[in-house]
PDB file of N, CA and C in Angstrom:
ATOM      1  N   MET A   1     -38.713  30.252  -6.341  1.00  0.00           N
ATOM      2  CA  MET A   1     -37.342  29.798  -6.143  1.00  0.00           C
ATOM      3  C   MET A   1     -37.190  28.878  -4.937  1.00  0.00           C
ATOM      4  N   GLY A   2     -37.870  29.246  -3.921  1.00  0.00           N
ATOM      5  CA  GLY A   2     -37.901  28.470  -2.610  1.00  0.00           C
ATOM      6  C   GLY A   2     -38.475  26.974  -2.893  1.00  0.00           C
ATOM      7  N   ARG A   3     -39.439  27.037  -3.695  1.00  0.00           N
ATOM      8  CA  ARG A   3     -40.141  25.718  -3.982  1.00  0.00           C
ATOM      9  C   ARG A   3     -39.225  24.732  -4.690  1.00  0.00           C
ATOM     10  N   ILE A   4     -38.478  25.355  -5.681  1.00  0.00           N
ATOM     11  CA  ILE A   4     -37.440  24.597  -6.471  1.00  0.00           C
ATOM     12  C   ILE A   4     -36.448  24.012  -5.561  1.00  0.00           C
ATOM     13  N   LEU A   5     -35.815  24.831  -4.695  1.00  0.00           N
ATOM     14  CA  LEU A   5     -34.846  24.385  -3.792  1.00  0.00           C
ATOM     15  C   LEU A   5     -35.367  23.349  -2.860  1.00  0.00           C
ATOM     16  N   ARG A   6     -36.642  23.503  -2.382  1.00  0.00           N
ATOM     17  CA  ARG A   6     -37.168  22.427  -1.497  1.00  0.00           C
ATOM     18  C   ARG A   6     -37.295  21.077  -2.124  1.00  0.00           C
ATOM     19  N   ASN A   7     -37.730  21.166  -3.482  1.00  0.00           N
ATOM     20  CA  ASN A   7     -37.953  19.906  -4.209  1.00  0.00           C
ATOM     21  C   ASN A   7     -36.660  19.321  -4.581  1.00  0.00           C
ATOM     22  N   TYR A   8     -35.538  20.159  -4.786  1.00  0.00           N
ATOM     23  CA  TYR A   8     -34.234  19.607  -4.917  1.00  0.00           C
ATOM     24  C   TYR A   8     -33.787  18.870  -3.673  1.00  0.00           C
ATOM     25  N   PHE A   9     -33.997  19.507  -2.563  1.00  0.00           N
ATOM     26  CA  PHE A   9     -33.529  18.943  -1.218  1.00  0.00           C
ATOM     27  C   PHE A   9     -34.314  17.601  -0.911  1.00  0.00           C
ATOM     28  N   TYR A  10     -35.497  17.557  -1.184  1.00  0.00           N
ATOM     29  CA  TYR A  10     -36.307  16.325  -0.838  1.00  0.00           C
ATOM     30  C   TYR A  10     -36.428  15.394  -2.002  1.00  0.00           C
ATOM     31  N   TRP A  11     -35.732  15.716  -3.095  1.00  0.00           N
ATOM     32  CA  TRP A  11     -35.598  14.839  -4.279  1.00  0.00           C
ATOM     33  C   TRP A  11     -36.963  14.418  -4.720  1.00  0.00           C
ATOM     34  N   THR A  12     -37.868  15.385  -5.077  1.00  0.00           N
ATOM     35  CA  THR A  12     -39.259  15.069  -5.418  1.00  0.00           C
ATOM     36  C   THR A  12     -39.481  15.057  -6.921  1.00  0.00           C
ATOM     37  N   TYR A  13     -38.536  15.400  -7.751  1.00  0.00           N
ATOM     38  CA  TYR A  13     -38.621  15.447  -9.265  1.00  0.00           C
ATOM     39  C   TYR A  13     -38.704  13.920  -9.677  1.00  0.00           C
ATOM     40  N   GLU A  14     -39.451  13.793 -10.809  1.00  0.00           N
ATOM     41  CA  GLU A  14     -39.532  12.419 -11.509  1.00  0.00           C
ATOM     42  C   GLU A  14     -38.209  12.133 -12.157  1.00  0.00           C
ATOM     43  N   ARG A  15     -38.012  10.863 -12.242  1.00  0.00           N
ATOM     44  CA  ARG A  15     -36.761  10.443 -12.996  1.00  0.00           C
ATOM     45  C   ARG A  15     -36.934  10.757 -14.486  1.00  0.00           C
ATOM     46  N   GLY A  16     -35.965  11.284 -15.108  1.00  0.00           N
ATOM     47  CA  GLY A  16     -35.979  11.649 -16.470  1.00  0.00           C
ATOM     48  C   GLY A  16     -36.358  13.037 -16.720  1.00  0.00           C
ATOM     49  N   SER A  17     -36.774  13.798 -15.693  1.00  0.00           N
ATOM     50  CA  SER A  17     -37.155  15.126 -15.853  1.00  0.00           C
ATOM     51  C   SER A  17     -35.869  16.026 -15.916  1.00  0.00           C
ATOM     52  N   PHE A  18     -36.012  17.352 -16.439  1.00  0.00           N
ATOM     53  CA  PHE A  18     -34.929  18.214 -16.429  1.00  0.00           C
ATOM     54  C   PHE A  18     -34.233  18.382 -15.050  1.00  0.00           C
ATOM     55  N   HIS A  19     -35.049  18.658 -14.011  1.00  0.00           N
ATOM     56  CA  HIS A  19     -34.411  18.963 -12.691  1.00  0.00           C
ATOM     57  C   HIS A  19     -33.768  17.627 -12.141  1.00  0.00           C
ATOM     58  N   TYR A  20     -34.306  16.523 -12.302  1.00  0.00           N
ATOM     59  CA  TYR A  20     -33.668  15.310 -11.975  1.00  0.00           C
ATOM     60  C   TYR A  20     -32.349  15.095 -12.527  1.00  0.00           C
ATOM     61  N   ASP A  21     -32.257  15.368 -13.860  1.00  0.00           N
ATOM     62  CA  ASP A  21     -30.949  15.294 -14.574  1.00  0.00           C
ATOM     63  C   ASP A  21     -29.930  16.331 -14.047  1.00  0.00           C
ATOM     64  N   VAL A  22     -30.454  17.474 -13.641  1.00  0.00           N
ATOM     65  CA  VAL A  22     -29.530  18.481 -13.143  1.00  0.00           C
ATOM     66  C   VAL A  22     -28.942  18.012 -11.794  1.00  0.00           C
ATOM     67  N   MET A  23     -29.812  17.490 -10.965  1.00  0.00           N
ATOM     68  CA  MET A  23     -29.286  16.891  -9.643  1.00  0.00           C
ATOM     69  C   MET A  23     -28.246  15.870  -9.793  1.00  0.00           C
ATOM     70  N   VAL A  24     -28.593  14.885 -10.733  1.00  0.00           N
ATOM     71  CA  VAL A  24     -27.630  13.776 -10.902  1.00  0.00           C
ATOM     72  C   VAL A  24     -26.311  14.293 -11.500  1.00  0.00           C
ATOM     73  N   THR A  25     -26.367  15.262 -12.425  1.00  0.00           N
ATOM     74  CA  THR A  25     -25.167  15.830 -12.965  1.00  0.00           C
ATOM     75  C   THR A  25     -24.302  16.600 -11.975  1.00  0.00           C
ATOM     76  N   LEU A  26     -24.997  17.327 -10.991  1.00  0.00           N
ATOM     77  CA  LEU A  26     -24.294  17.894  -9.931  1.00  0.00           C
ATOM     78  C   LEU A  26     -23.608  16.975  -8.981  1.00  0.00           C
ATOM     79  N   ILE A  27     -24.326  15.834  -8.723  1.00  0.00           N
ATOM     80  CA  ILE A  27     -23.709  14.799  -7.816  1.00  0.00           C
ATOM     81  C   ILE A  27     -22.560  14.189  -8.528  1.00  0.00           C
ATOM     82  N   LEU A  28     -22.561  13.722  -9.793  1.00  0.00           N
ATOM     83  CA  LEU A  28     -21.518  13.297 -10.508  1.00  0.00           C
ATOM     84  C   LEU A  28     -20.367  14.203 -10.681  1.00  0.00           C
ATOM     85  N   ALA A  29     -20.615  15.451 -10.964  1.00  0.00           N
ATOM     86  CA  ALA A  29     -19.510  16.418 -10.970  1.00  0.00           C
ATOM     87  C   ALA A  29     -18.781  16.608  -9.635  1.00  0.00           C
ATOM     88  N   PHE A  30     -19.531  16.602  -8.512  1.00  0.00           N
ATOM     89  CA  PHE A  30     -18.914  16.500  -7.226  1.00  0.00           C
ATOM     90  C   PHE A  30     -17.948  15.298  -7.095  1.00  0.00           C
ATOM     91  N   ILE A  31     -18.466  14.102  -7.491  1.00  0.00           N
ATOM     92  CA  ILE A  31     -17.636  12.885  -7.199  1.00  0.00           C
ATOM     93  C   ILE A  31     -16.469  12.939  -8.034  1.00  0.00           C
ATOM     94  N   PHE A  32     -16.487  13.431  -9.268  1.00  0.00           N
ATOM     95  CA  PHE A  32     -15.286  13.304 -10.191  1.00  0.00           C
ATOM     96  C   PHE A  32     -14.449  14.520 -10.164  1.00  0.00           C
ATOM     97  N   ILE A  33     -14.906  15.730  -9.755  1.00  0.00           N
ATOM     98  CA  ILE A  33     -14.034  16.866  -9.796  1.00  0.00           C
ATOM     99  C   ILE A  33     -13.400  17.180  -8.443  1.00  0.00           C
ATOM    100  N   THR A  34     -13.986  16.911  -7.325  1.00  0.00           N
ATOM    101  CA  THR A  34     -13.441  17.262  -6.108  1.00  0.00           C
ATOM    102  C   THR A  34     -12.104  16.501  -5.865  1.00  0.00           C
ATOM    103  N   PRO A  35     -11.810  15.321  -6.231  1.00  0.00           N
ATOM    104  CA  PRO A  35     -10.435  14.658  -5.958  1.00  0.00           C
ATOM    105  C   PRO A  35      -9.386  15.496  -6.662  1.00  0.00           C
ATOM    106  N   LEU A  36      -9.769  16.193  -7.768  1.00  0.00           N
ATOM    107  CA  LEU A  36      -8.742  16.965  -8.498  1.00  0.00           C
ATOM    108  C   LEU A  36      -8.357  18.259  -7.808  1.00  0.00           C
ATOM    109  N   VAL A  37      -9.354  18.787  -7.108  1.00  0.00           N
ATOM    110  CA  VAL A  37      -9.275  20.118  -6.483  1.00  0.00           C
ATOM    111  C   VAL A  37      -8.845  19.871  -4.953  1.00  0.00           C
ATOM    112  N   TRP A  38      -9.354  18.964  -4.304  1.00  0.00           N
ATOM    113  CA  TRP A  38      -9.190  18.828  -2.866  1.00  0.00           C
ATOM    114  C   TRP A  38      -8.313  17.604  -2.616  1.00  0.00           C
ATOM    115  N   ASN A  39      -7.201  17.784  -1.921  1.00  0.00           N
ATOM    116  CA  ASN A  39      -6.309  16.610  -1.520  1.00  0.00           C
ATOM    117  C   ASN A  39      -6.867  15.854  -0.300  1.00  0.00           C
ATOM    118  N   TYR A  40      -7.398  14.691  -0.623  1.00  0.00           N
ATOM    119  CA  TYR A  40      -7.878  13.852   0.503  1.00  0.00           C
ATOM    120  C   TYR A  40      -6.817  13.112   1.295  1.00  0.00           C
ATOM    121  N   GLY A  41      -5.553  13.091   0.739  1.00  0.00           N
ATOM    122  CA  GLY A  41      -4.565  12.506   1.573  1.00  0.00           C
ATOM    123  C   GLY A  41      -4.530  11.042   1.448  1.00  0.00           C
ATOM    124  N   ASP A  42      -5.153  10.439   0.539  1.00  0.00           N
ATOM    125  CA  ASP A  42      -5.296   8.909   0.483  1.00  0.00           C
ATOM    126  C   ASP A  42      -4.437   8.270  -0.558  1.00  0.00           C
ATOM    127  N   ARG A  43      -3.445   8.932  -1.013  1.00  0.00           N
ATOM    128  CA  ARG A  43      -2.480   8.351  -1.990  1.00  0.00           C
ATOM    129  C   ARG A  43      -1.465   7.485  -1.346  1.00  0.00           C
ATOM    130  N   PRO A  44      -1.281   6.316  -1.899  1.00  0.00           N
ATOM    131  CA  PRO A  44      -0.267   5.389  -1.326  1.00  0.00           C
ATOM    132  C   PRO A  44       1.113   6.021  -1.319  1.00  0.00           C
ATOM    133  N   GLN A  45       2.004   5.729  -0.298  1.00  0.00           N
ATOM    134  CA  GLN A  45       3.279   6.239  -0.149  1.00  0.00           C
ATOM    135  C   GLN A  45       4.220   4.980  -0.002  1.00  0.00           C
ATOM    136  N   PRO A  46       4.663   4.409  -1.125  1.00  0.00           N
ATOM    137  CA  PRO A  46       5.409   3.226  -1.101  1.00  0.00           C
ATOM    138  C   PRO A  46       6.781   3.341  -0.413  1.00  0.00           C
ATOM    139  N   ASP A  47       7.339   4.546  -0.409  1.00  0.00           N
ATOM    140  CA  ASP A  47       8.669   4.756   0.134  1.00  0.00           C
ATOM    141  C   ASP A  47       8.663   4.859   1.607  1.00  0.00           C
ATOM    142  N   LYS A  48       7.552   5.056   2.347  1.00  0.00           N
ATOM    143  CA  LYS A  48       7.443   5.221   3.680  1.00  0.00           C
ATOM    144  C   LYS A  48       7.215   3.911   4.320  1.00  0.00           C
ATOM    145  N   VAL A  49       8.260   3.214   4.993  1.00  0.00           N
ATOM    146  CA  VAL A  49       8.085   1.945   5.580  1.00  0.00           C
ATOM    147  C   VAL A  49       8.306   2.157   7.021  1.00  0.00           C
ATOM    148  N   PRO A  50       7.397   1.667   7.900  1.00  0.00           N
ATOM    149  CA  PRO A  50       7.531   1.775   9.360  1.00  0.00           C
ATOM    150  C   PRO A  50       8.854   1.130   9.713  1.00  0.00           C
ATOM    151  N   PRO A  51       9.481   1.662  10.704  1.00  0.00           N
ATOM    152  CA  PRO A  51      10.755   0.984  11.186  1.00  0.00           C
ATOM    153  C   PRO A  51      10.525  -0.351  11.795  1.00  0.00           C
ATOM    154  N   ASN A  52      11.458  -1.200  11.658  1.00  0.00           N
ATOM    155  CA  ASN A  52      11.493  -2.564  12.196  1.00  0.00           C
ATOM    156  C   ASN A  52      10.478  -3.414  11.511  1.00  0.00           C
ATOM    157  N   SER A  53      10.139  -3.189  10.369  1.00  0.00           N
ATOM    158  CA  SER A  53       9.184  -4.009   9.626  1.00  0.00           C
ATOM    159  C   SER A  53       9.836  -4.633   8.327  1.00  0.00           C
ATOM    160  N   VAL A  54       9.322  -5.674   7.926  1.00  0.00           N
ATOM    161  CA  VAL A  54       9.926  -6.380   6.689  1.00  0.00           C
ATOM    162  C   VAL A  54       9.127  -5.792   5.482  1.00  0.00           C
ATOM    163  N   LEU A  55       9.782  -5.391   4.586  1.00  0.00           N
ATOM    164  CA  LEU A  55       9.162  -4.847   3.277  1.00  0.00           C
ATOM    165  C   LEU A  55       9.077  -6.040   2.310  1.00  0.00           C
ATOM    166  N   VAL A  56       7.941  -6.342   1.770  1.00  0.00           N
ATOM    167  CA  VAL A  56       7.744  -7.447   0.780  1.00  0.00           C
ATOM    168  C   VAL A  56       7.327  -6.786  -0.624  1.00  0.00           C
ATOM    169  N   LYS A  57       8.177  -7.289  -1.664  1.00  0.00           N
ATOM    170  CA  LYS A  57       7.881  -6.906  -3.002  1.00  0.00           C
ATOM    171  C   LYS A  57       7.616  -8.062  -3.852  1.00  0.00           C
ATOM    172  N   MET A  58       6.782  -8.033  -4.889  1.00  0.00           N
ATOM    173  CA  MET A  58       6.611  -9.116  -5.800  1.00  0.00           C
ATOM    174  C   MET A  58       7.619  -9.000  -6.877  1.00  0.00           C
ATOM    175  N   ALA A  59       8.387 -10.114  -7.133  1.00  0.00           N
ATOM    176  CA  ALA A  59       9.384 -10.187  -8.182  1.00  0.00           C
ATOM    177  C   ALA A  59       8.918 -10.948  -9.428  1.00  0.00           C
ATOM    178  N   GLY A  60       7.789 -11.613  -9.326  1.00  0.00           N
ATOM    179  CA  GLY A  60       7.294 -12.401 -10.416  1.00  0.00           C
ATOM    180  C   GLY A  60       6.278 -13.309  -9.858  1.00  0.00           C
ATOM    181  N   PRO A  61       5.703 -14.293 -10.624  1.00  0.00           N
ATOM    182  CA  PRO A  61       4.721 -15.103 -10.167  1.00  0.00           C
ATOM    183  C   PRO A  61       5.413 -16.121  -9.164  1.00  0.00           C
ATOM    184  N   GLY A  62       4.901 -16.106  -7.837  1.00  0.00           N
ATOM    185  CA  GLY A  62       5.350 -16.960  -6.808  1.00  0.00           C
ATOM    186  C   GLY A  62       6.891 -16.582  -6.300  1.00  0.00           C
ATOM    187  N   SER A  63       7.224 -15.364  -6.822  1.00  0.00           N
ATOM    188  CA  SER A  63       8.594 -14.965  -6.353  1.00  0.00           C
ATOM    189  C   SER A  63       8.590 -13.579  -5.703  1.00  0.00           C
ATOM    190  N   PHE A  64       9.282 -13.443  -4.547  1.00  0.00           N
ATOM    191  CA  PHE A  64       9.224 -12.297  -3.775  1.00  0.00           C
ATOM    192  C   PHE A  64      10.627 -11.777  -3.403  1.00  0.00           C
ATOM    193  N   VAL A  65      10.659 -10.512  -3.055  1.00  0.00           N
ATOM    194  CA  VAL A  65      11.986  -9.789  -2.579  1.00  0.00           C
ATOM    195  C   VAL A  65      11.578  -9.248  -1.231  1.00  0.00           C
ATOM    196  N   TYR A  66      12.287  -9.643  -0.150  1.00  0.00           N
ATOM    197  CA  TYR A  66      12.073  -9.264   1.186  1.00  0.00           C
ATOM    198  C   TYR A  66      13.224  -8.340   1.542  1.00  0.00           C
ATOM    199  N   ASP A  67      12.887  -7.236   2.304  1.00  0.00           N
ATOM    200  CA  ASP A  67      13.946  -6.394   2.967  1.00  0.00           C
ATOM    201  C   ASP A  67      13.712  -6.615   4.471  1.00  0.00           C
ATOM    202  N   VAL A  68      14.672  -7.257   5.086  1.00  0.00           N
ATOM    203  CA  VAL A  68      14.574  -7.560   6.533  1.00  0.00           C
ATOM    204  C   VAL A  68      15.618  -6.683   7.180  1.00  0.00           C
ATOM    205  N   PRO A  69      15.060  -5.843   8.153  1.00  0.00           N
ATOM    206  CA  PRO A  69      15.994  -5.004   8.939  1.00  0.00           C
ATOM    207  C   PRO A  69      17.181  -5.783   9.643  1.00  0.00           C
ATOM    208  N   ALA A  70      18.331  -5.201   9.528  1.00  0.00           N
ATOM    209  CA  ALA A  70      19.533  -5.868  10.180  1.00  0.00           C
ATOM    210  C   ALA A  70      19.402  -6.032  11.635  1.00  0.00           C
ATOM    211  N   LYS A  71      18.673  -5.122  12.276  1.00  0.00           N
ATOM    212  CA  LYS A  71      18.662  -5.227  13.760  1.00  0.00           C
ATOM    213  C   LYS A  71      17.678  -6.334  14.190  1.00  0.00           C
ATOM    214  N   ASP A  72      16.918  -6.902  13.297  1.00  0.00           N
ATOM    215  CA  ASP A  72      16.142  -8.203  13.577  1.00  0.00           C
ATOM    216  C   ASP A  72      16.914  -9.438  13.353  1.00  0.00           C
ATOM    217  N   VAL A  73      18.100  -9.393  12.901  1.00  0.00           N
ATOM    218  CA  VAL A  73      18.875 -10.466  12.615  1.00  0.00           C
ATOM    219  C   VAL A  73      20.222 -10.401  13.456  1.00  0.00           C
ATOM    220  N   HIS A  74      20.596 -11.454  14.130  1.00  0.00           N
ATOM    221  CA  HIS A  74      21.817 -11.460  14.985  1.00  0.00           C
ATOM    222  C   HIS A  74      22.765 -12.469  14.366  1.00  0.00           C
ATOM    223  N   PRO A  75      23.795 -11.987  13.754  1.00  0.00           N
ATOM    224  CA  PRO A  75      24.761 -12.907  12.992  1.00  0.00           C
ATOM    225  C   PRO A  75      25.502 -13.840  13.979  1.00  0.00           C
ATOM    226  N   ASP A  76      25.614 -13.477  15.296  1.00  0.00           N
ATOM    227  CA  ASP A  76      26.336 -14.373  16.139  1.00  0.00           C
ATOM    228  C   ASP A  76      25.651 -15.471  16.690  1.00  0.00           C
ATOM    229  N   GLY A  77      24.323 -15.559  16.520  1.00  0.00           N
ATOM    230  CA  GLY A  77      23.571 -16.645  16.915  1.00  0.00           C
ATOM    231  C   GLY A  77      23.499 -17.756  15.864  1.00  0.00           C
ATOM    232  N   ALA A  78      22.329 -18.225  15.486  1.00  0.00           N
ATOM    233  CA  ALA A  78      22.204 -19.189  14.531  1.00  0.00           C
ATOM    234  C   ALA A  78      22.607 -18.779  13.125  1.00  0.00           C
ATOM    235  N   ALA A  79      22.677 -19.603  12.243  1.00  0.00           N
ATOM    236  CA  ALA A  79      23.181 -19.229  10.822  1.00  0.00           C
ATOM    237  C   ALA A  79      22.258 -18.142  10.358  1.00  0.00           C
ATOM    238  N   LEU A  80      22.846 -17.253   9.521  1.00  0.00           N
ATOM    239  CA  LEU A  80      22.094 -16.103   8.999  1.00  0.00           C
ATOM    240  C   LEU A  80      20.908 -16.496   8.093  1.00  0.00           C
ATOM    241  N   ASN A  81      21.179 -17.565   7.268  1.00  0.00           N
ATOM    242  CA  ASN A  81      20.150 -18.110   6.388  1.00  0.00           C
ATOM    243  C   ASN A  81      18.940 -18.529   7.249  1.00  0.00           C
ATOM    244  N   ASP A  82      19.156 -19.182   8.328  1.00  0.00           N
ATOM    245  CA  ASP A  82      18.057 -19.722   9.161  1.00  0.00           C
ATOM    246  C   ASP A  82      17.375 -18.556   9.850  1.00  0.00           C
ATOM    247  N   GLN A  83      18.066 -17.425  10.253  1.00  0.00           N
ATOM    248  CA  GLN A  83      17.345 -16.417  10.876  1.00  0.00           C
ATOM    249  C   GLN A  83      16.502 -15.661   9.912  1.00  0.00           C
ATOM    250  N   LEU A  84      17.045 -15.420   8.686  1.00  0.00           N
ATOM    251  CA  LEU A  84      16.209 -14.789   7.555  1.00  0.00           C
ATOM    252  C   LEU A  84      15.024 -15.617   7.269  1.00  0.00           C
ATOM    253  N   GLN A  85      15.185 -16.883   7.222  1.00  0.00           N
ATOM    254  CA  GLN A  85      14.045 -17.886   6.922  1.00  0.00           C
ATOM    255  C   GLN A  85      13.011 -17.698   7.984  1.00  0.00           C
ATOM    256  N   ALA A  86      13.368 -17.615   9.244  1.00  0.00           N
ATOM    257  CA  ALA A  86      12.394 -17.491  10.295  1.00  0.00           C
ATOM    258  C   ALA A  86      11.668 -16.178  10.249  1.00  0.00           C
ATOM    259  N   GLN A  87      12.361 -15.079   9.958  1.00  0.00           N
ATOM    260  CA  GLN A  87      11.752 -13.741   9.787  1.00  0.00           C
ATOM    261  C   GLN A  87      10.616 -13.754   8.704  1.00  0.00           C
ATOM    262  N   ILE A  88      11.092 -14.394   7.580  1.00  0.00           N
ATOM    263  CA  ILE A  88      10.184 -14.410   6.365  1.00  0.00           C
ATOM    264  C   ILE A  88       9.071 -15.302   6.591  1.00  0.00           C
ATOM    265  N   GLN A  89       9.277 -16.444   7.233  1.00  0.00           N
ATOM    266  CA  GLN A  89       8.180 -17.481   7.370  1.00  0.00           C
ATOM    267  C   GLN A  89       7.165 -16.920   8.322  1.00  0.00           C
ATOM    268  N   ALA A  90       7.531 -16.053   9.292  1.00  0.00           N
ATOM    269  CA  ALA A  90       6.550 -15.424  10.169  1.00  0.00           C
ATOM    270  C   ALA A  90       5.550 -14.567   9.437  1.00  0.00           C
ATOM    271  N   ILE A  91       5.929 -14.025   8.304  1.00  0.00           N
ATOM    272  CA  ILE A  91       5.087 -13.208   7.503  1.00  0.00           C
ATOM    273  C   ILE A  91       4.421 -13.988   6.415  1.00  0.00           C
ATOM    274  N   SER A  92       5.125 -14.677   5.622  1.00  0.00           N
ATOM    275  CA  SER A  92       4.641 -15.287   4.334  1.00  0.00           C
ATOM    276  C   SER A  92       4.413 -16.748   4.390  1.00  0.00           C
ATOM    277  N   GLY A  93       4.756 -17.424   5.504  1.00  0.00           N
ATOM    278  CA  GLY A  93       4.621 -18.816   5.478  1.00  0.00           C
ATOM    279  C   GLY A  93       5.806 -19.544   4.885  1.00  0.00           C
ATOM    280  N   PRO A  94       5.776 -20.733   4.557  1.00  0.00           N
ATOM    281  CA  PRO A  94       6.869 -21.530   4.029  1.00  0.00           C
ATOM    282  C   PRO A  94       7.338 -20.978   2.650  1.00  0.00           C
ATOM    283  N   VAL A  95       8.649 -20.650   2.545  1.00  0.00           N
ATOM    284  CA  VAL A  95       9.254 -20.139   1.295  1.00  0.00           C
ATOM    285  C   VAL A  95      10.618 -20.770   1.203  1.00  0.00           C
ATOM    286  N   THR A  96      11.215 -20.751   0.034  1.00  0.00           N
ATOM    287  CA  THR A  96      12.510 -21.197  -0.213  1.00  0.00           C
ATOM    288  C   THR A  96      13.333 -20.022  -0.571  1.00  0.00           C
ATOM    289  N   ILE A  97      14.466 -19.725   0.206  1.00  0.00           N
ATOM    290  CA  ILE A  97      15.341 -18.596  -0.141  1.00  0.00           C
ATOM    291  C   ILE A  97      16.236 -18.967  -1.150  1.00  0.00           C
ATOM    292  N   ASP A  98      16.185 -18.083  -2.272  1.00  0.00           N
ATOM    293  CA  ASP A  98      17.168 -18.272  -3.389  1.00  0.00           C
ATOM    294  C   ASP A  98      18.508 -17.729  -3.099  1.00  0.00           C
ATOM    295  N   ARG A  99      18.494 -16.480  -2.602  1.00  0.00           N
ATOM    296  CA  ARG A  99      19.803 -15.841  -2.307  1.00  0.00           C
ATOM    297  C   ARG A  99      19.451 -14.614  -1.408  1.00  0.00           C
ATOM    298  N   TYR A 100      20.541 -14.035  -0.894  1.00  0.00           N
ATOM    299  CA  TYR A 100      20.376 -12.749  -0.101  1.00  0.00           C
ATOM    300  C   TYR A 100      21.583 -11.941  -0.101  1.00  0.00           C
ATOM    301  N   ASP A 101      21.364 -10.654   0.047  1.00  0.00           N
ATOM    302  CA  ASP A 101      22.515  -9.693  -0.004  1.00  0.00           C
ATOM    303  C   ASP A 101      22.388  -8.781   1.215  1.00  0.00           C
ATOM    304  N   ALA A 102      23.509  -8.223   1.682  1.00  0.00           N
ATOM    305  CA  ALA A 102      23.454  -7.290   2.702  1.00  0.00           C
ATOM    306  C   ALA A 102      23.404  -5.880   2.074  1.00  0.00           C
ATOM    307  N   VAL A 103      22.542  -4.985   2.495  1.00  0.00           N
ATOM    308  CA  VAL A 103      22.361  -3.683   1.906  1.00  0.00           C
ATOM    309  C   VAL A 103      23.031  -2.732   2.912  1.00  0.00           C
ATOM    310  N   LYS A 104      24.059  -2.040   2.495  1.00  0.00           N
ATOM    311  CA  LYS A 104      24.881  -1.195   3.443  1.00  0.00           C
ATOM    312  C   LYS A 104      24.657   0.290   3.164  1.00  0.00           C
ATOM    313  N   GLU A 105      24.717   1.119   4.286  1.00  0.00           N
ATOM    314  CA  GLU A 105      24.774   2.471   4.051  1.00  0.00           C
ATOM    315  C   GLU A 105      26.133   3.027   3.669  1.00  0.00           C
ATOM    316  N   GLN A 106      26.339   4.282   3.504  1.00  0.00           N
ATOM    317  CA  GLN A 106      27.557   4.860   3.117  1.00  0.00           C
ATOM    318  C   GLN A 106      28.729   4.516   4.074  1.00  0.00           C
ATOM    319  N   GLY A 107      28.559   4.466   5.289  1.00  0.00           N
ATOM    320  CA  GLY A 107      29.632   4.191   6.252  1.00  0.00           C
ATOM    321  C   GLY A 107      29.983   2.665   6.308  1.00  0.00           C
ATOM    322  N   GLY A 108      29.297   1.852   5.577  1.00  0.00           N
ATOM    323  CA  GLY A 108      29.597   0.388   5.576  1.00  0.00           C
ATOM    324  C   GLY A 108      28.791  -0.434   6.554  1.00  0.00           C
ATOM    325  N   LYS A 109      27.841   0.196   7.320  1.00  0.00           N
ATOM    326  CA  LYS A 109      27.122  -0.519   8.290  1.00  0.00           C
ATOM    327  C   LYS A 109      25.959  -1.209   7.543  1.00  0.00           C
ATOM    328  N   ILE A 110      25.627  -2.410   7.885  1.00  0.00           N
ATOM    329  CA  ILE A 110      24.545  -3.123   7.266  1.00  0.00           C
ATOM    330  C   ILE A 110      23.083  -2.626   7.807  1.00  0.00           C
ATOM    331  N   VAL A 111      22.312  -2.211   6.886  1.00  0.00           N
ATOM    332  CA  VAL A 111      21.038  -1.631   7.235  1.00  0.00           C
ATOM    333  C   VAL A 111      19.979  -2.726   7.090  1.00  0.00           C
ATOM    334  N   THR A 112      19.912  -3.394   5.979  1.00  0.00           N
ATOM    335  CA  THR A 112      18.872  -4.505   5.792  1.00  0.00           C
ATOM    336  C   THR A 112      19.549  -5.577   5.042  1.00  0.00           C
ATOM    337  N   TYR A 113      18.854  -6.686   5.029  1.00  0.00           N
ATOM    338  CA  TYR A 113      19.230  -7.857   4.219  1.00  0.00           C
ATOM    339  C   TYR A 113      18.148  -7.972   3.137  1.00  0.00           C
ATOM    340  N   ARG A 114      18.566  -7.993   1.894  1.00  0.00           N
ATOM    341  CA  ARG A 114      17.558  -8.109   0.802  1.00  0.00           C
ATOM    342  C   ARG A 114      17.562  -9.671   0.447  1.00  0.00           C
ATOM    343  N   VAL A 115      16.388 -10.231   0.568  1.00  0.00           N
ATOM    344  CA  VAL A 115      16.263 -11.634   0.342  1.00  0.00           C
ATOM    345  C   VAL A 115      15.363 -12.017  -0.837  1.00  0.00           C
ATOM    346  N   TRP A 116      15.812 -12.827  -1.743  1.00  0.00           N
ATOM    347  CA  TRP A 116      14.975 -13.292  -2.867  1.00  0.00           C
ATOM    348  C   TRP A 116      14.491 -14.694  -2.475  1.00  0.00           C
ATOM    349  N   ALA A 117      13.210 -14.859  -2.592  1.00  0.00           N
ATOM    350  CA  ALA A 117      12.656 -16.170  -2.202  1.00  0.00           C
ATOM    351  C   ALA A 117      11.447 -16.539  -3.159  1.00  0.00           C
ATOM    352  N   HIS A 118      11.010 -17.768  -3.082  1.00  0.00           N
ATOM    353  CA  HIS A 118       9.965 -18.216  -3.913  1.00  0.00           C
ATOM    354  C   HIS A 118       9.154 -19.258  -3.230  1.00  0.00           C
ATOM    355  N   ARG A 119       7.989 -19.497  -3.674  1.00  0.00           N
ATOM    356  CA  ARG A 119       7.090 -20.513  -3.081  1.00  0.00           C
ATOM    357  C   ARG A 119       7.155 -21.733  -4.038  1.00  0.00           C
TER     358      ARG A 119
END
C-alpha cells in the first residue's frame, strides 16, 4: 500500500495505465466539483459600486449608459451638459451625449445623473 501511495505522489505510473487514469480522474473531479461545494468568493457583484465612481453599462454597439454621481457635478458652475461630458470623457474618451436624466431618491434629492452617449 505504501508503494502505491509513493508512486501516486511521485507520479511514476505510465500514461494510459489504470493508476494514471485514476490520478487524472481525481484531479479532474477536484477541479470541477470543489467550486460547487466550496465558495471561493469570486462571483461578480454588479450591484456593488464603489462610492464616487461612474458606472458604465453597454446599451448597444457603440452606445453606453453612464451613471455619474451628483456630488461630482456642480450645477452652479459650467453648464450641466459640459460637466457631464468632462466626467465621461475622463473615463471613455470622446463621446457624444444623446440625453441625460436626473435620478432622484424618495426625498427628491438628486443622487446620480444617468447619461446616454455613443461613439
